[in-house]
Amino acid sequence: MKSAVNLKKALDVRCIKFGNYIVNNMTTVRATAKKFGISKSTVHKDVSVRLKKLDFNLYEKVHKVLEKNKRERHIRGGIATRKKYKGV
């Protein structure tokens, strides 16, 4: 039973860590996943489902950053395409 409690605690710590990283660095889920060497779906689930139950204030801050990223992603896509074809 202790291992289940330790696992839950580790997941909670991970969720908080991801949330703080996203808010402090204004990063995307993809960049956060790359930084921590974990899948995007894991990061997304941690910050959108688990974090909401753990720390609602941090969840709201993360949600604002992710919404901002969502609104701007078409711009980043255009920049990436331009760089690709200009050879930069």
N, C-alpha and C. Protein backbone atom coordinates (compact mmCIF):
# COMPACT_ATOMS: atom_id res chain seq x y z
N MET A 1 0.82 -1.20 0.00
CA MET A 1 0.00 0.00 0.00
C MET A 1 0.86 1.27 0.00
N LYS A 2 2.02 1.20 0.65
CA LYS A 2 2.89 2.38 0.68
C LYS A 2 3.34 2.79 -0.71
N SER A 3 3.57 1.81 -1.58
CA SER A 3 4.03 2.14 -2.93
C SER A 3 2.97 2.92 -3.70
N ALA A 4 1.71 2.61 -3.49
CA ALA A 4 0.64 3.35 -4.16
C ALA A 4 0.59 4.80 -3.66
N VAL A 5 0.82 4.99 -2.38
CA VAL A 5 0.84 6.33 -1.81
C VAL A 5 2.02 7.11 -2.34
N ASN A 6 3.18 6.45 -2.43
CA ASN A 6 4.38 7.12 -2.96
C ASN A 6 4.21 7.48 -4.44
N LEU A 7 3.56 6.59 -5.18
CA LEU A 7 3.31 6.87 -6.59
C LEU A 7 2.40 8.08 -6.75
N LYS A 8 1.35 8.15 -5.96
CA LYS A 8 0.41 9.29 -6.00
C LYS A 8 1.14 10.57 -5.66
N LYS A 9 2.00 10.52 -4.65
CA LYS A 9 2.76 11.69 -4.24
C LYS A 9 3.70 12.14 -5.36
N ALA A 10 4.35 11.16 -6.02
CA ALA A 10 5.26 11.47 -7.12
C ALA A 10 4.50 12.10 -8.29
N LEU A 11 3.30 11.60 -8.59
CA LEU A 11 2.49 12.19 -9.65
C LEU A 11 2.08 13.62 -9.30
N ASP A 12 1.72 13.83 -8.06
CA ASP A 12 1.33 15.17 -7.61
C ASP A 12 2.49 16.14 -7.76
N VAL A 13 3.67 15.72 -7.35
CA VAL A 13 4.86 16.58 -7.45
C VAL A 13 5.16 16.89 -8.92
N ARG A 14 5.03 15.87 -9.77
CA ARG A 14 5.29 16.05 -11.19
C ARG A 14 4.31 17.05 -11.81
N CYS A 15 3.05 16.96 -11.44
CA CYS A 15 2.03 17.89 -11.96
C CYS A 15 2.37 19.33 -11.59
N ILE A 16 2.72 19.52 -10.34
CA ILE A 16 3.08 20.87 -9.85
C ILE A 16 4.32 21.37 -10.59
N LYS A 17 5.29 20.48 -10.78
CA LYS A 17 6.53 20.86 -11.47
C LYS A 17 6.24 21.30 -12.90
N PHE A 18 5.43 20.52 -13.62
CA PHE A 18 5.07 20.88 -14.99
C PHE A 18 4.32 22.20 -15.03
N GLY A 19 3.37 22.37 -14.12
CA GLY A 19 2.58 23.60 -14.08
C GLY A 19 3.44 24.82 -13.84
N ASN A 20 4.33 24.72 -12.86
CA ASN A 20 5.23 25.85 -12.57
C ASN A 20 6.15 26.15 -13.74
N TYR A 21 6.64 25.12 -14.40
CA TYR A 21 7.53 25.32 -15.55
C TYR A 21 6.81 26.05 -16.68
N ILE A 22 5.59 25.63 -16.96
CA ILE A 22 4.81 26.27 -18.03
C ILE A 22 4.54 27.73 -17.71
N VAL A 23 4.14 28.01 -16.48
CA VAL A 23 3.81 29.39 -16.09
C VAL A 23 5.06 30.26 -16.06
N ASN A 24 6.13 29.77 -15.45
CA ASN A 24 7.35 30.58 -15.30
C ASN A 24 8.06 30.84 -16.61
N ASN A 25 7.98 29.89 -17.55
CA ASN A 25 8.70 30.03 -18.81
C ASN A 25 7.80 30.31 -20.00
N MET A 26 6.48 30.38 -19.76
CA MET A 26 5.50 30.64 -20.82
C MET A 26 5.71 29.68 -21.99
N THR A 27 5.87 28.40 -21.69
CA THR A 27 6.16 27.42 -22.72
C THR A 27 4.91 26.67 -23.16
N THR A 28 5.07 25.90 -24.21
CA THR A 28 4.00 25.06 -24.71
C THR A 28 4.08 23.68 -24.06
N VAL A 29 3.05 22.89 -24.25
CA VAL A 29 3.06 21.51 -23.76
C VAL A 29 4.20 20.75 -24.44
N ARG A 30 4.39 20.97 -25.72
CA ARG A 30 5.45 20.29 -26.47
C ARG A 30 6.84 20.62 -25.91
N ALA A 31 7.09 21.90 -25.64
CA ALA A 31 8.39 22.30 -25.10
C ALA A 31 8.61 21.74 -23.69
N THR A 32 7.54 21.70 -22.91
CA THR A 32 7.64 21.15 -21.56
C THR A 32 7.94 19.66 -21.62
N ALA A 33 7.27 18.95 -22.51
CA ALA A 33 7.50 17.52 -22.67
C ALA A 33 8.95 17.25 -23.09
N LYS A 34 9.45 18.07 -24.00
CA LYS A 34 10.82 17.89 -24.46
C LYS A 34 11.81 18.16 -23.33
N LYS A 35 11.56 19.19 -22.54
CA LYS A 35 12.45 19.56 -21.43
C LYS A 35 12.55 18.42 -20.41
N PHE A 36 11.42 17.79 -20.09
CA PHE A 36 11.40 16.76 -19.06
C PHE A 36 11.52 15.34 -19.63
N GLY A 37 11.61 15.20 -20.94
CA GLY A 37 11.79 13.90 -21.55
C GLY A 37 10.60 12.97 -21.35
N ILE A 38 9.42 13.51 -21.51
CA ILE A 38 8.19 12.75 -21.28
C ILE A 38 7.23 13.08 -22.42
N SER A 39 6.20 12.28 -22.61
CA SER A 39 5.31 12.49 -23.76
C SER A 39 4.41 13.72 -23.58
N LYS A 40 4.00 14.28 -24.71
CA LYS A 40 3.11 15.44 -24.68
C LYS A 40 1.78 15.10 -24.04
N SER A 41 1.29 13.90 -24.30
CA SER A 41 -0.01 13.52 -23.73
C SER A 41 0.06 13.41 -22.22
N THR A 42 1.19 12.98 -21.68
CA THR A 42 1.35 12.90 -20.23
C THR A 42 1.36 14.29 -19.62
N VAL A 43 2.12 15.19 -20.24
CA VAL A 43 2.17 16.57 -19.74
C VAL A 43 0.78 17.19 -19.81
N HIS A 44 0.11 17.01 -20.93
CA HIS A 44 -1.21 17.60 -21.10
C HIS A 44 -2.19 17.07 -20.05
N LYS A 45 -2.19 15.78 -19.82
CA LYS A 45 -3.10 15.20 -18.82
C LYS A 45 -2.76 15.72 -17.43
N ASP A 46 -1.47 15.81 -17.13
CA ASP A 46 -1.05 16.29 -15.81
C ASP A 46 -1.52 17.72 -15.56
N VAL A 47 -1.35 18.60 -16.55
CA VAL A 47 -1.67 20.02 -16.31
C VAL A 47 -3.12 20.36 -16.57
N SER A 48 -3.85 19.50 -17.26
CA SER A 48 -5.25 19.83 -17.53
C SER A 48 -6.24 19.05 -16.68
N VAL A 49 -5.88 17.87 -16.21
CA VAL A 49 -6.80 17.07 -15.42
C VAL A 49 -6.34 16.98 -13.96
N ARG A 50 -5.13 16.46 -13.77
CA ARG A 50 -4.65 16.24 -12.41
C ARG A 50 -4.40 17.54 -11.66
N LEU A 51 -3.81 18.52 -12.33
CA LEU A 51 -3.48 19.78 -11.68
C LEU A 51 -4.72 20.52 -11.21
N LYS A 52 -5.80 20.38 -11.95
CA LYS A 52 -7.06 21.05 -11.58
C LYS A 52 -7.53 20.60 -10.20
N LYS A 53 -7.30 19.34 -9.87
CA LYS A 53 -7.70 18.80 -8.57
C LYS A 53 -6.70 19.14 -7.47
N LEU A 54 -5.43 19.31 -7.85
CA LEU A 54 -4.37 19.55 -6.87
C LEU A 54 -4.26 21.01 -6.45
N ASP A 55 -4.13 21.88 -7.44
CA ASP A 55 -3.89 23.30 -7.17
C ASP A 55 -4.64 24.12 -8.22
N PHE A 56 -5.84 24.51 -7.89
CA PHE A 56 -6.71 25.18 -8.86
C PHE A 56 -6.14 26.52 -9.31
N ASN A 57 -5.49 27.25 -8.41
CA ASN A 57 -4.91 28.55 -8.79
C ASN A 57 -3.81 28.37 -9.83
N LEU A 58 -2.95 27.40 -9.61
CA LEU A 58 -1.89 27.12 -10.60
C LEU A 58 -2.50 26.63 -11.90
N TYR A 59 -3.54 25.80 -11.81
CA TYR A 59 -4.24 25.30 -12.99
C TYR A 59 -4.75 26.47 -13.84
N GLU A 60 -5.35 27.46 -13.20
CA GLU A 60 -5.88 28.62 -13.94
C GLU A 60 -4.77 29.38 -14.65
N LYS A 61 -3.61 29.52 -14.00
CA LYS A 61 -2.48 30.21 -14.63
C LYS A 61 -1.98 29.43 -15.83
N VAL A 62 -1.86 28.11 -15.66
CA VAL A 62 -1.41 27.25 -16.76
C VAL A 62 -2.41 27.32 -17.91
N HIS A 63 -3.68 27.27 -17.58
CA HIS A 63 -4.74 27.32 -18.60
C HIS A 63 -4.64 28.60 -19.43
N LYS A 64 -4.35 29.73 -18.77
CA LYS A 64 -4.21 30.99 -19.50
C LYS A 64 -3.03 30.94 -20.47
N VAL A 65 -1.91 30.38 -20.03
CA VAL A 65 -0.74 30.26 -20.90
C VAL A 65 -1.05 29.35 -22.09
N LEU A 66 -1.71 28.22 -21.82
CA LEU A 66 -2.02 27.28 -22.89
C LEU A 66 -3.03 27.86 -23.87
N GLU A 67 -3.98 28.62 -23.39
CA GLU A 67 -4.94 29.28 -24.29
C GLU A 67 -4.23 30.31 -25.17
N LYS A 68 -3.30 31.06 -24.58
CA LYS A 68 -2.52 32.03 -25.35
C LYS A 68 -1.72 31.31 -26.43
N ASN A 69 -1.10 30.18 -26.07
CA ASN A 69 -0.34 29.40 -27.05
C ASN A 69 -1.25 28.91 -28.16
N LYS A 70 -2.45 28.49 -27.81
CA LYS A 70 -3.39 27.99 -28.80
C LYS A 70 -3.79 29.09 -29.78
N ARG A 71 -3.98 30.30 -29.26
CA ARG A 71 -4.35 31.42 -30.14
C ARG A 71 -3.21 31.80 -31.08
N GLU A 72 -1.97 31.57 -30.63
CA GLU A 72 -0.81 32.01 -31.42
C GLU A 72 -0.18 30.92 -32.27
N ARG A 73 -0.66 29.69 -32.19
CA ARG A 73 0.04 28.60 -32.85
C ARG A 73 0.06 28.73 -34.38
N HIS A 74 -0.96 29.34 -34.96
CA HIS A 74 -0.93 29.50 -36.42
C HIS A 74 0.18 30.44 -36.85
N ILE A 75 0.52 31.39 -36.00
CA ILE A 75 1.62 32.31 -36.30
C ILE A 75 2.95 31.58 -36.24
N ARG A 76 3.15 30.76 -35.20
CA ARG A 76 4.39 29.98 -35.07
C ARG A 76 4.53 29.00 -36.25
N GLY A 77 3.41 28.45 -36.69
CA GLY A 77 3.45 27.54 -37.83
C GLY A 77 3.90 28.25 -39.09
N GLY A 78 3.42 29.47 -39.29
CA GLY A 78 3.82 30.26 -40.45
C GLY A 78 5.29 30.62 -40.41
N ILE A 79 5.78 30.94 -39.24
CA ILE A 79 7.20 31.28 -39.08
C ILE A 79 8.06 30.05 -39.39
N ALA A 80 7.64 28.90 -38.88
CA ALA A 80 8.39 27.66 -39.13
C ALA A 80 8.44 27.34 -40.61
N THR A 81 7.32 27.52 -41.31
CA THR A 81 7.26 27.25 -42.75
C THR A 81 8.17 28.21 -43.50
N ARG A 82 8.15 29.48 -43.11
CA ARG A 82 9.01 30.47 -43.76
C ARG A 82 10.48 30.08 -43.59
N LYS A 83 10.87 29.69 -42.38
CA LYS A 83 12.25 29.30 -42.13
C LYS A 83 12.63 28.07 -42.95
N LYS A 84 11.71 27.15 -43.07
CA LYS A 84 11.96 25.92 -43.81
C LYS A 84 12.29 26.22 -45.27
N TYR A 85 11.51 27.10 -45.89
CA TYR A 85 11.72 27.38 -47.30
C TYR A 85 12.78 28.41 -47.59
N LYS A 86 13.14 29.21 -46.60
CA LYS A 86 14.24 30.16 -46.79
C LYS A 86 15.57 29.53 -46.43
N GLY A 87 15.54 28.35 -45.82
CA GLY A 87 16.79 27.66 -45.47
C GLY A 87 17.47 28.23 -44.25
N VAL A 88 16.71 28.84 -43.36
CA VAL A 88 17.30 29.44 -42.15
C VAL A 88 17.37 28.42 -41.06
